[in-house]
Amino acid sequence: MQHQYVDLLIDALLDEGFSLEEARKLIKLQEEYEEKKASEITYRHLFVRWLVEQGRLSDW
């Protein structure tokens, strides 16, 4: 994430009553979730491509 965006997120979380450490942990958790979600999409695309190549799925 961009530094300026992270600073805004931290400010918003501090305003909601989170400590600085809690805010940083939440942001890290969000980043890890987004990375995992992106890799899952990639794996799905690879699986669908394999299904098409094997003739088990068509794009008619």
PDB file of N, CA and C in Angstrom:
ATOM      1  N   MET A   1       0.838  -1.188   0.000  1.00  0.00           N
ATOM      2  CA  MET A   1       0.000   0.000   0.000  1.00  0.00           C
ATOM      3  C   MET A   1       0.875   1.241   0.000  1.00  0.00           C
ATOM      4  N   GLN A   2       0.334   2.293  -0.536  1.00  0.00           N
ATOM      5  CA  GLN A   2       1.079   3.546  -0.551  1.00  0.00           C
ATOM      6  C   GLN A   2       1.135   4.129   0.856  1.00  0.00           C
ATOM      7  N   HIS A   3       2.257   4.759   1.142  1.00  0.00           N
ATOM      8  CA  HIS A   3       2.499   5.298   2.486  1.00  0.00           C
ATOM      9  C   HIS A   3       1.408   6.288   2.905  1.00  0.00           C
ATOM     10  N   GLN A   4       1.018   7.169   2.005  1.00  0.00           N
ATOM     11  CA  GLN A   4       0.010   8.187   2.332  1.00  0.00           C
ATOM     12  C   GLN A   4      -1.332   7.525   2.657  1.00  0.00           C
ATOM     13  N   TYR A   5      -1.686   6.492   1.895  1.00  0.00           N
ATOM     14  CA  TYR A   5      -2.938   5.767   2.135  1.00  0.00           C
ATOM     15  C   TYR A   5      -2.904   5.073   3.497  1.00  0.00           C
ATOM     16  N   VAL A   6      -1.776   4.472   3.833  1.00  0.00           N
ATOM     17  CA  VAL A   6      -1.627   3.798   5.123  1.00  0.00           C
ATOM     18  C   VAL A   6      -1.763   4.810   6.256  1.00  0.00           C
ATOM     19  N   ASP A   7      -1.164   5.970   6.088  1.00  0.00           N
ATOM     20  CA  ASP A   7      -1.282   7.016   7.113  1.00  0.00           C
ATOM     21  C   ASP A   7      -2.740   7.413   7.329  1.00  0.00           C
ATOM     22  N   LEU A   8      -3.494   7.530   6.243  1.00  0.00           N
ATOM     23  CA  LEU A   8      -4.917   7.873   6.357  1.00  0.00           C
ATOM     24  C   LEU A   8      -5.689   6.764   7.069  1.00  0.00           C
ATOM     25  N   LEU A   9      -5.377   5.517   6.742  1.00  0.00           N
ATOM     26  CA  LEU A   9      -6.032   4.399   7.425  1.00  0.00           C
ATOM     27  C   LEU A   9      -5.717   4.401   8.913  1.00  0.00           C
ATOM     28  N   ILE A  10      -4.457   4.623   9.246  1.00  0.00           N
ATOM     29  CA  ILE A  10      -4.062   4.665  10.659  1.00  0.00           C
ATOM     30  C   ILE A  10      -4.807   5.782  11.382  1.00  0.00           C
ATOM     31  N   ASP A  11      -4.859   6.962  10.778  1.00  0.00           N
ATOM     32  CA  ASP A  11      -5.587   8.080  11.392  1.00  0.00           C
ATOM     33  C   ASP A  11      -7.051   7.727  11.628  1.00  0.00           C
ATOM     34  N   ALA A  12      -7.678   7.095  10.637  1.00  0.00           N
ATOM     35  CA  ALA A  12      -9.086   6.725  10.771  1.00  0.00           C
ATOM     36  C   ALA A  12      -9.279   5.699  11.886  1.00  0.00           C
ATOM     37  N   LEU A  13      -8.387   4.731  11.959  1.00  0.00           N
ATOM     38  CA  LEU A  13      -8.494   3.718  13.009  1.00  0.00           C
ATOM     39  C   LEU A  13      -8.224   4.306  14.389  1.00  0.00           C
ATOM     40  N   LEU A  14      -7.277   5.227  14.478  1.00  0.00           N
ATOM     41  CA  LEU A  14      -7.023   5.906  15.754  1.00  0.00           C
ATOM     42  C   LEU A  14      -8.247   6.697  16.185  1.00  0.00           C
ATOM     43  N   ASP A  15      -8.904   7.354  15.229  1.00  0.00           N
ATOM     44  CA  ASP A  15     -10.120   8.111  15.530  1.00  0.00           C
ATOM     45  C   ASP A  15     -11.234   7.204  16.053  1.00  0.00           C
ATOM     46  N   GLU A  16     -11.212   5.942  15.630  1.00  0.00           N
ATOM     47  CA  GLU A  16     -12.234   4.985  16.071  1.00  0.00           C
ATOM     48  C   GLU A  16     -11.876   4.322  17.400  1.00  0.00           C
ATOM     49  N   GLY A  17     -10.716   4.679  17.961  1.00  0.00           N
ATOM     50  CA  GLY A  17     -10.360   4.177  19.278  1.00  0.00           C
ATOM     51  C   GLY A  17      -9.340   3.051  19.305  1.00  0.00           C
ATOM     52  N   PHE A  18      -8.817   2.669  18.151  1.00  0.00           N
ATOM     53  CA  PHE A  18      -7.779   1.641  18.115  1.00  0.00           C
ATOM     54  C   PHE A  18      -6.443   2.252  18.513  1.00  0.00           C
ATOM     55  N   SER A  19      -5.590   1.433  19.121  1.00  0.00           N
ATOM     56  CA  SER A  19      -4.236   1.896  19.423  1.00  0.00           C
ATOM     57  C   SER A  19      -3.421   1.861  18.133  1.00  0.00           C
ATOM     58  N   LEU A  20      -2.251   2.496  18.162  1.00  0.00           N
ATOM     59  CA  LEU A  20      -1.394   2.511  16.978  1.00  0.00           C
ATOM     60  C   LEU A  20      -0.986   1.089  16.593  1.00  0.00           C
ATOM     61  N   GLU A  21      -0.636   0.277  17.584  1.00  0.00           N
ATOM     62  CA  GLU A  21      -0.244  -1.107  17.299  1.00  0.00           C
ATOM     63  C   GLU A  21      -1.411  -1.898  16.706  1.00  0.00           C
ATOM     64  N   GLU A  22      -2.607  -1.712  17.260  1.00  0.00           N
ATOM     65  CA  GLU A  22      -3.783  -2.411  16.722  1.00  0.00           C
ATOM     66  C   GLU A  22      -4.061  -1.985  15.284  1.00  0.00           C
ATOM     67  N   ALA A  23      -3.927  -0.689  15.015  1.00  0.00           N
ATOM     68  CA  ALA A  23      -4.160  -0.183  13.662  1.00  0.00           C
ATOM     69  C   ALA A  23      -3.171  -0.798  12.676  1.00  0.00           C
ATOM     70  N   ARG A  24      -1.916  -0.861  13.066  1.00  0.00           N
ATOM     71  CA  ARG A  24      -0.900  -1.462  12.185  1.00  0.00           C
ATOM     72  C   ARG A  24      -1.185  -2.940  11.937  1.00  0.00           C
ATOM     73  N   LYS A  25      -1.615  -3.652  12.977  1.00  0.00           N
ATOM     74  CA  LYS A  25      -1.937  -5.072  12.814  1.00  0.00           C
ATOM     75  C   LYS A  25      -3.132  -5.258  11.882  1.00  0.00           C
ATOM     76  N   LEU A  26      -4.136  -4.406  12.016  1.00  0.00           N
ATOM     77  CA  LEU A  26      -5.305  -4.503  11.139  1.00  0.00           C
ATOM     78  C   LEU A  26      -4.934  -4.236   9.685  1.00  0.00           C
ATOM     79  N   ILE A  27      -4.080  -3.260   9.463  1.00  0.00           N
ATOM     80  CA  ILE A  27      -3.650  -2.942   8.101  1.00  0.00           C
ATOM     81  C   ILE A  27      -2.843  -4.096   7.521  1.00  0.00           C
ATOM     82  N   LYS A  28      -1.971  -4.685   8.327  1.00  0.00           N
ATOM     83  CA  LYS A  28      -1.189  -5.834   7.863  1.00  0.00           C
ATOM     84  C   LYS A  28      -2.112  -7.004   7.535  1.00  0.00           C
ATOM     85  N   LEU A  29      -3.113  -7.232   8.364  1.00  0.00           N
ATOM     86  CA  LEU A  29      -4.074  -8.299   8.124  1.00  0.00           C
ATOM     87  C   LEU A  29      -4.823  -8.063   6.814  1.00  0.00           C
ATOM     88  N   GLN A  30      -5.208  -6.816   6.568  1.00  0.00           N
ATOM     89  CA  GLN A  30      -5.897  -6.479   5.325  1.00  0.00           C
ATOM     90  C   GLN A  30      -5.000  -6.751   4.118  1.00  0.00           C
ATOM     91  N   GLU A  31      -3.743  -6.354   4.202  1.00  0.00           N
ATOM     92  CA  GLU A  31      -2.803  -6.578   3.099  1.00  0.00           C
ATOM     93  C   GLU A  31      -2.622  -8.068   2.827  1.00  0.00           C
ATOM     94  N   GLU A  32      -2.477  -8.857   3.890  1.00  0.00           N
ATOM     95  CA  GLU A  32      -2.307 -10.306   3.727  1.00  0.00           C
ATOM     96  C   GLU A  32      -3.549 -10.927   3.103  1.00  0.00           C
ATOM     97  N   TYR A  33      -4.731 -10.464   3.518  1.00  0.00           N
ATOM     98  CA  TYR A  33      -5.983 -10.975   2.963  1.00  0.00           C
ATOM     99  C   TYR A  33      -6.074 -10.660   1.473  1.00  0.00           C
ATOM    100  N   GLU A  34      -5.734  -9.434   1.097  1.00  0.00           N
ATOM    101  CA  GLU A  34      -5.802  -9.043  -0.307  1.00  0.00           C
ATOM    102  C   GLU A  34      -4.822  -9.848  -1.156  1.00  0.00           C
ATOM    103  N   GLU A  35      -3.632 -10.112  -0.634  1.00  0.00           N
ATOM    104  CA  GLU A  35      -2.652 -10.925  -1.363  1.00  0.00           C
ATOM    105  C   GLU A  35      -3.156 -12.352  -1.546  1.00  0.00           C
ATOM    106  N   LYS A  36      -3.738 -12.905  -0.494  1.00  0.00           N
ATOM    107  CA  LYS A  36      -4.264 -14.271  -0.577  1.00  0.00           C
ATOM    108  C   LYS A  36      -5.410 -14.334  -1.573  1.00  0.00           C
ATOM    109  N   LYS A  37      -6.284 -13.354  -1.524  1.00  0.00           N
ATOM    110  CA  LYS A  37      -7.422 -13.316  -2.447  1.00  0.00           C
ATOM    111  C   LYS A  37      -6.936 -13.233  -3.891  1.00  0.00           C
ATOM    112  N   ALA A  38      -5.930 -12.430  -4.146  1.00  0.00           N
ATOM    113  CA  ALA A  38      -5.387 -12.294  -5.502  1.00  0.00           C
ATOM    114  C   ALA A  38      -4.782 -13.605  -5.980  1.00  0.00           C
ATOM    115  N   SER A  39      -4.086 -14.308  -5.103  1.00  0.00           N
ATOM    116  CA  SER A  39      -3.486 -15.579  -5.521  1.00  0.00           C
ATOM    117  C   SER A  39      -4.555 -16.636  -5.751  1.00  0.00           C
ATOM    118  N   GLU A  40      -5.643 -16.605  -4.982  1.00  0.00           N
ATOM    119  CA  GLU A  40      -6.732 -17.556  -5.191  1.00  0.00           C
ATOM    120  C   GLU A  40      -7.373 -17.343  -6.555  1.00  0.00           C
ATOM    121  N   ILE A  41      -7.542 -16.093  -6.955  1.00  0.00           N
ATOM    122  CA  ILE A  41      -8.103 -15.801  -8.269  1.00  0.00           C
ATOM    123  C   ILE A  41      -7.187 -16.351  -9.348  1.00  0.00           C
ATOM    124  N   THR A  42      -5.896 -16.178  -9.191  1.00  0.00           N
ATOM    125  CA  THR A  42      -4.936 -16.692 -10.160  1.00  0.00           C
ATOM    126  C   THR A  42      -5.035 -18.211 -10.253  1.00  0.00           C
ATOM    127  N   TYR A  43      -5.111 -18.888  -9.120  1.00  0.00           N
ATOM    128  CA  TYR A  43      -5.230 -20.343  -9.128  1.00  0.00           C
ATOM    129  C   TYR A  43      -6.528 -20.783  -9.797  1.00  0.00           C
ATOM    130  N   ARG A  44      -7.617 -20.042  -9.592  1.00  0.00           N
ATOM    131  CA  ARG A  44      -8.880 -20.371 -10.258  1.00  0.00           C
ATOM    132  C   ARG A  44      -8.747 -20.247 -11.764  1.00  0.00           C
ATOM    133  N   HIS A  45      -8.095 -19.173 -12.217  1.00  0.00           N
ATOM    134  CA  HIS A  45      -7.906 -18.999 -13.656  1.00  0.00           C
ATOM    135  C   HIS A  45      -7.082 -20.141 -14.242  1.00  0.00           C
ATOM    136  N   LEU A  46      -6.028 -20.522 -13.543  1.00  0.00           N
ATOM    137  CA  LEU A  46      -5.210 -21.638 -14.013  1.00  0.00           C
ATOM    138  C   LEU A  46      -6.018 -22.930 -14.070  1.00  0.00           C
ATOM    139  N   PHE A  47      -6.865 -23.152 -13.085  1.00  0.00           N
ATOM    140  CA  PHE A  47      -7.683 -24.356 -13.059  1.00  0.00           C
ATOM    141  C   PHE A  47      -8.696 -24.345 -14.198  1.00  0.00           C
ATOM    142  N   VAL A  48      -9.330 -23.220 -14.427  1.00  0.00           N
ATOM    143  CA  VAL A  48     -10.301 -23.124 -15.523  1.00  0.00           C
ATOM    144  C   VAL A  48      -9.600 -23.334 -16.859  1.00  0.00           C
ATOM    145  N   ARG A  49      -8.431 -22.754 -17.029  1.00  0.00           N
ATOM    146  CA  ARG A  49      -7.670 -22.963 -18.265  1.00  0.00           C
ATOM    147  C   ARG A  49      -7.375 -24.448 -18.454  1.00  0.00           C
ATOM    148  N   TRP A  50      -6.970 -25.123 -17.385  1.00  0.00           N
ATOM    149  CA  TRP A  50      -6.688 -26.552 -17.465  1.00  0.00           C
ATOM    150  C   TRP A  50      -7.942 -27.324 -17.860  1.00  0.00           C
ATOM    151  N   LEU A  51      -9.090 -26.964 -17.273  1.00  0.00           N
ATOM    152  CA  LEU A  51     -10.342 -27.636 -17.628  1.00  0.00           C
ATOM    153  C   LEU A  51     -10.650 -27.473 -19.111  1.00  0.00           C
ATOM    154  N   VAL A  52     -10.462 -26.278 -19.642  1.00  0.00           N
ATOM    155  CA  VAL A  52     -10.707 -26.029 -21.064  1.00  0.00           C
ATOM    156  C   VAL A  52      -9.742 -26.851 -21.908  1.00  0.00           C
ATOM    157  N   GLU A  53      -8.474 -26.850 -21.552  1.00  0.00           N
ATOM    158  CA  GLU A  53      -7.467 -27.605 -22.308  1.00  0.00           C
ATOM    159  C   GLU A  53      -7.746 -29.103 -22.292  1.00  0.00           C
ATOM    160  N   GLN A  54      -8.327 -29.598 -21.220  1.00  0.00           N
ATOM    161  CA  GLN A  54      -8.637 -31.025 -21.107  1.00  0.00           C
ATOM    162  C   GLN A  54      -9.972 -31.382 -21.755  1.00  0.00           C
ATOM    163  N   GLY A  55     -10.679 -30.365 -22.261  1.00  0.00           N
ATOM    164  CA  GLY A  55     -11.971 -30.611 -22.892  1.00  0.00           C
ATOM    165  C   GLY A  55     -13.093 -30.864 -21.907  1.00  0.00           C
ATOM    166  N   ARG A  56     -12.874 -30.530 -20.664  1.00  0.00           N
ATOM    167  CA  ARG A  56     -13.895 -30.742 -19.638  1.00  0.00           C
ATOM    168  C   ARG A  56     -14.794 -29.519 -19.470  1.00  0.00           C
ATOM    169  N   LEU A  57     -14.407 -28.434 -20.096  1.00  0.00           N
ATOM    170  CA  LEU A  57     -15.174 -27.195 -20.024  1.00  0.00           C
ATOM    171  C   LEU A  57     -14.997 -26.490 -21.353  1.00  0.00           C
ATOM    172  N   SER A  58     -16.090 -25.967 -21.880  1.00  0.00           N
ATOM    173  CA  SER A  58     -15.973 -25.245 -23.151  1.00  0.00           C
ATOM    174  C   SER A  58     -16.492 -23.828 -22.969  1.00  0.00           C
ATOM    175  N   ASP A  59     -16.043 -22.966 -23.831  1.00  0.00           N
ATOM    176  CA  ASP A  59     -16.495 -21.574 -23.761  1.00  0.00           C
ATOM    177  C   ASP A  59     -17.600 -21.304 -24.776  1.00  0.00           C
ATOM    178  N   TRP A  60     -18.106 -22.334 -25.408  1.00  0.00           N
ATOM    179  CA  TRP A  60     -19.058 -22.328 -26.490  1.00  0.00           C
ATOM    180  C   TRP A  60     -19.221 -20.999 -27.043  1.00  0.00           C
TER     181      TRP A  60
END
